[in-house]
C-alpha atoms as a PDB file:
ATOM      1  CA  MET A   1      73.171 307.930  72.793  1.00  0.00           C
ATOM      2  CA  SER A   2      71.453 304.725  72.974  1.00  0.00           C
ATOM      3  CA  ASP A   3      69.169 306.229  69.884  1.00  0.00           C
ATOM      4  CA  LEU A   4      72.737 306.553  68.102  1.00  0.00           C
ATOM      5  CA  SER A   5      73.791 303.129  68.820  1.00  0.00           C
ATOM      6  CA  ASN A   6      70.712 301.695  67.426  1.00  0.00           C
ATOM      7  CA  MET A   7      70.810 303.578  64.216  1.00  0.00           C
ATOM      8  CA  ILE A   8      74.063 301.994  63.868  1.00  0.00           C
ATOM      9  CA  VAL A   9      73.247 298.589  64.293  1.00  0.00           C
ATOM     10  CA  PHE A  10      70.101 299.272  61.925  1.00  0.00           C
ATOM     11  CA  ALA A  11      72.326 300.355  59.126  1.00  0.00           C
ATOM     12  CA  ALA A  12      74.999 297.497  59.747  1.00  0.00           C
ATOM     13  CA  VAL A  13      71.784 295.392  59.305  1.00  0.00           C
ATOM     14  CA  LEU A  14      70.250 296.980  56.783  1.00  0.00           C
ATOM     15  CA  ALA A  15      73.528 297.264  54.869  1.00  0.00           C
ATOM     16  CA  VAL A  16      73.746 293.375  55.096  1.00  0.00           C
ATOM     17  CA  ALA A  17      70.202 292.675  54.120  1.00  0.00           C
ATOM     18  CA  PHE A  18      70.451 295.082  50.454  1.00  0.00           C
ATOM     19  CA  VAL A  19      73.855 292.841  49.446  1.00  0.00           C
ATOM     20  CA  LEU A  20      72.205 290.014  50.102  1.00  0.00           C
ATOM     21  CA  LEU A  21      69.319 290.810  48.026  1.00  0.00           C
ATOM     22  CA  LEU A  22      71.809 292.449  45.238  1.00  0.00           C
ATOM     23  CA  GLY A  23      73.373 288.887  45.045  1.00  0.00           C
ATOM     24  CA  LEU A  24      70.227 286.701  44.991  1.00  0.00           C
ATOM     25  CA  VAL A  25      68.772 288.983  42.078  1.00  0.00           C
ATOM     26  CA  ASN A  26      71.838 289.275  40.164  1.00  0.00           C
ATOM     27  CA  MET A  27      71.884 285.247  40.597  1.00  0.00           C
ATOM     28  CA  LEU A  28      68.140 284.800  39.744  1.00  0.00           C
ATOM     29  CA  ARG A  29      68.644 287.013  36.776  1.00  0.00           C
ATOM     30  CA  GLY A  30      71.486 284.707  35.721  1.00  0.00           C
ATOM     31  CA  GLY A  31      74.111 287.484  35.973  1.00  0.00           C
ATOM     32  CA  SER A  32      77.162 287.541  35.979  1.00  0.00           C
ATOM     33  CA  ALA A  33      78.890 284.631  38.468  1.00  0.00           C
ATOM     34  CA  ASN A  34      82.002 286.702  39.056  1.00  0.00           C
ATOM     35  CA  ARG A  35      79.537 289.509  40.356  1.00  0.00           C
ATOM     36  CA  SER A  36      77.169 287.183  42.504  1.00  0.00           C
ATOM     37  CA  GLN A  37      80.501 285.735  43.994  1.00  0.00           C
ATOM     38  CA  HIS A  38      81.781 289.468  44.523  1.00  0.00           C
ATOM     39  CA  LEU A  39      78.376 290.562  46.540  1.00  0.00           C
ATOM     40  CA  MET A  40      78.513 287.348  48.525  1.00  0.00           C
ATOM     41  CA  ARG A  41      82.088 288.122  50.019  1.00  0.00           C
ATOM     42  CA  MET A  42      80.777 291.884  50.372  1.00  0.00           C
ATOM     43  CA  ARG A  43      78.003 290.339  52.235  1.00  0.00           C
ATOM     44  CA  VAL A  44      80.115 288.039  54.174  1.00  0.00           C
ATOM     45  CA  LEU A  45      82.988 291.405  54.952  1.00  0.00           C
ATOM     46  CA  LEU A  46      79.683 293.488  55.877  1.00  0.00           C
ATOM     47  CA  GLN A  47      78.182 290.523  58.395  1.00  0.00           C
ATOM     48  CA  PHE A  48      81.501 290.477  60.116  1.00  0.00           C
ATOM     49  CA  LEU A  49      81.507 294.611  60.553  1.00  0.00           C
ATOM     50  CA  ALA A  50      77.972 294.284  61.695  1.00  0.00           C
ATOM     51  CA  ILE A  51      78.882 291.366  64.608  1.00  0.00           C
ATOM     52  CA  VAL A  52      81.708 293.459  65.559  1.00  0.00           C
ATOM     53  CA  ILE A  53      79.727 296.881  66.052  1.00  0.00           C
ATOM     54  CA  ILE A  54      76.652 295.080  67.500  1.00  0.00           C
ATOM     55  CA  MET A  55      79.114 292.951  70.033  1.00  0.00           C
ATOM     56  CA  GLY A  56      80.802 296.312  70.893  1.00  0.00           C
ATOM     57  CA  ILE A  57      78.043 298.192  71.318  1.00  0.00           C
ATOM     58  CA  ILE A  58      77.102 295.317  73.888  1.00  0.00           C
ATOM     59  CA  TRP A  59      79.980 295.835  75.341  1.00  0.00           C
ATOM     60  CA  TRP A  60      80.079 299.504  75.791  1.00  0.00           C
ATOM     61  CA  ARG A  61      76.278 299.678  76.969  1.00  0.00           C
ATOM     62  CA  ALA A  62      77.415 296.988  79.924  1.00  0.00           C
ATOM     63  CA  ALA A  63      80.451 299.045  81.104  1.00  0.00           C
END
């Protein structure tokens, strides 16, 4: 079960990094400011979910 939880954490962190890179690329190319803002809000949401997942797994492993 440890491998599954490690994969879930990895996927959450990868999703955050992917959205961050999309936002940065859009900003550097001079893309739509609204799109950059949307991607950065999505990044914050994904970061929150990643932290909740990580804390949940830490709690679950300690139990």
